[in-house]
């Protein structure tokens, strides 16, 4: 996600919010699966669904960062 959201790299690395950590883990799994599907060039509908899912998780991460209190940052 840090590659996709370079403006938020520092916050993604420093905010110690369990929900954000879980989101990043799930996002990583979704990206790997999406890339596997894309490499096989089958089920374009699933690739599109994973693209949408990943985008939604990126949006959620940005919202979590915006709402995080300063005390959650190292």
C-alpha atoms as a PDB file:
ATOM      1  CA  UNK A   1       0.000   0.000   0.000  1.00  0.00           C
ATOM      2  CA  UNK A   2       2.956   2.284   0.589  1.00  0.00           C
ATOM      3  CA  UNK A   3       3.730   2.096  -3.116  1.00  0.00           C
ATOM      4  CA  UNK A   4       0.175   3.019  -4.052  1.00  0.00           C
ATOM      5  CA  UNK A   5      -0.083   5.771  -1.434  1.00  0.00           C
ATOM      6  CA  UNK A   6       3.346   7.449  -1.350  1.00  0.00           C
ATOM      7  CA  UNK A   7       1.975  10.580   0.339  1.00  0.00           C
ATOM      8  CA  UNK A   8       0.942   8.435   3.312  1.00  0.00           C
ATOM      9  CA  UNK A   9       4.025   6.216   3.680  1.00  0.00           C
ATOM     10  CA  UNK A  10       5.159   7.736   6.952  1.00  0.00           C
ATOM     11  CA  UNK A  11       1.722   7.462   8.539  1.00  0.00           C
ATOM     12  CA  UNK A  12       1.243   3.900   7.313  1.00  0.00           C
ATOM     13  CA  UNK A  13       4.559   2.950   8.902  1.00  0.00           C
ATOM     14  CA  UNK A  14       4.117   4.854  12.164  1.00  0.00           C
ATOM     15  CA  UNK A  15       0.465   4.572  13.151  1.00  0.00           C
ATOM     16  CA  UNK A  16       0.047   1.624  15.481  1.00  0.00           C
ATOM     17  CA  UNK A  17      -3.683   1.090  15.137  1.00  0.00           C
ATOM     18  CA  UNK A  18      -4.728  -2.589  15.183  1.00  0.00           C
ATOM     19  CA  UNK A  19      -7.453  -1.981  12.613  1.00  0.00           C
ATOM     20  CA  UNK A  20      -4.976  -0.380  10.209  1.00  0.00           C
ATOM     21  CA  UNK A  21      -2.474  -3.209  10.728  1.00  0.00           C
ATOM     22  CA  UNK A  22      -5.179  -5.756   9.940  1.00  0.00           C
ATOM     23  CA  UNK A  23      -6.274  -3.782   6.883  1.00  0.00           C
ATOM     24  CA  UNK A  24      -2.694  -3.710   5.579  1.00  0.00           C
ATOM     25  CA  UNK A  25      -2.360  -7.459   6.029  1.00  0.00           C
ATOM     26  CA  UNK A  26      -5.622  -8.194   4.210  1.00  0.00           C
ATOM     27  CA  UNK A  27      -4.712  -5.699   1.504  1.00  0.00           C
ATOM     28  CA  UNK A  28      -1.446  -7.536   0.902  1.00  0.00           C
ATOM     29  CA  UNK A  29      -3.288 -10.838   0.463  1.00  0.00           C
ATOM     30  CA  UNK A  30      -5.792  -9.246  -1.927  1.00  0.00           C
ATOM     31  CA  UNK A  31      -3.024  -7.694  -4.046  1.00  0.00           C
ATOM     32  CA  UNK A  32      -1.206 -11.031  -4.325  1.00  0.00           C
ATOM     33  CA  UNK A  33      -4.398 -12.817  -5.379  1.00  0.00           C
ATOM     34  CA  UNK A  34      -5.295 -10.064  -7.860  1.00  0.00           C
ATOM     35  CA  UNK A  35      -1.833 -10.255  -9.402  1.00  0.00           C
ATOM     36  CA  UNK A  36      -2.064 -14.051  -9.673  1.00  0.00           C
ATOM     37  CA  UNK A  37      -5.399 -13.781 -11.462  1.00  0.00           C
ATOM     38  CA  UNK A  38      -4.081 -11.053 -13.734  1.00  0.00           C
ATOM     39  CA  UNK A  39      -1.023 -13.165 -14.639  1.00  0.00           C
ATOM     40  CA  UNK A  40      -3.220 -16.107 -15.621  1.00  0.00           C
ATOM     41  CA  UNK A  41      -5.310 -13.848 -17.850  1.00  0.00           C
ATOM     42  CA  UNK A  42      -8.501 -15.582 -16.853  1.00  0.00           C
ATOM     43  CA  UNK A  43     -11.545 -14.401 -14.957  1.00  0.00           C
ATOM     44  CA  UNK A  44     -11.244 -10.737 -15.833  1.00  0.00           C
ATOM     45  CA  UNK A  45     -14.393 -10.205 -13.800  1.00  0.00           C
ATOM     46  CA  UNK A  46     -12.545 -11.365 -10.674  1.00  0.00           C
ATOM     47  CA  UNK A  47      -9.569  -9.165 -11.481  1.00  0.00           C
ATOM     48  CA  UNK A  48     -11.945  -6.204 -11.707  1.00  0.00           C
ATOM     49  CA  UNK A  49     -13.518  -7.162  -8.362  1.00  0.00           C
ATOM     50  CA  UNK A  50     -10.092  -7.384  -6.718  1.00  0.00           C
ATOM     51  CA  UNK A  51      -9.137  -4.030  -8.239  1.00  0.00           C
ATOM     52  CA  UNK A  52     -12.240  -2.479  -6.688  1.00  0.00           C
ATOM     53  CA  UNK A  53     -11.591  -4.204  -3.367  1.00  0.00           C
ATOM     54  CA  UNK A  54      -8.003  -2.981  -3.249  1.00  0.00           C
ATOM     55  CA  UNK A  55      -9.084   0.556  -4.094  1.00  0.00           C
ATOM     56  CA  UNK A  56     -11.707   0.458  -1.347  1.00  0.00           C
ATOM     57  CA  UNK A  57      -9.083  -0.700   1.157  1.00  0.00           C
ATOM     58  CA  UNK A  58      -6.760   2.115   0.087  1.00  0.00           C
ATOM     59  CA  UNK A  59      -9.604   4.581   0.642  1.00  0.00           C
ATOM     60  CA  UNK A  60     -10.313   3.038   4.051  1.00  0.00           C
ATOM     61  CA  UNK A  61      -6.642   3.326   5.019  1.00  0.00           C
ATOM     62  CA  UNK A  62      -6.615   7.017   4.105  1.00  0.00           C
ATOM     63  CA  UNK A  63      -9.712   7.565   6.244  1.00  0.00           C
ATOM     64  CA  UNK A  64      -8.154   5.711   9.181  1.00  0.00           C
ATOM     65  CA  UNK A  65      -5.000   7.803   8.888  1.00  0.00           C
ATOM     66  CA  UNK A  66      -7.053  10.995   8.827  1.00  0.00           C
ATOM     67  CA  UNK A  67      -8.983   9.947  11.931  1.00  0.00           C
ATOM     68  CA  UNK A  68      -6.034   8.615  13.911  1.00  0.00           C
ATOM     69  CA  UNK A  69      -5.140  10.626  16.957  1.00  0.00           C
ATOM     70  CA  UNK A  70      -1.590  11.901  17.368  1.00  0.00           C
ATOM     71  CA  UNK A  71      -1.078   9.593  20.350  1.00  0.00           C
ATOM     72  CA  UNK A  72      -1.272   6.610  17.988  1.00  0.00           C
ATOM     73  CA  UNK A  73       1.849   7.781  16.183  1.00  0.00           C
ATOM     74  CA  UNK A  74       5.278   6.800  17.517  1.00  0.00           C
END
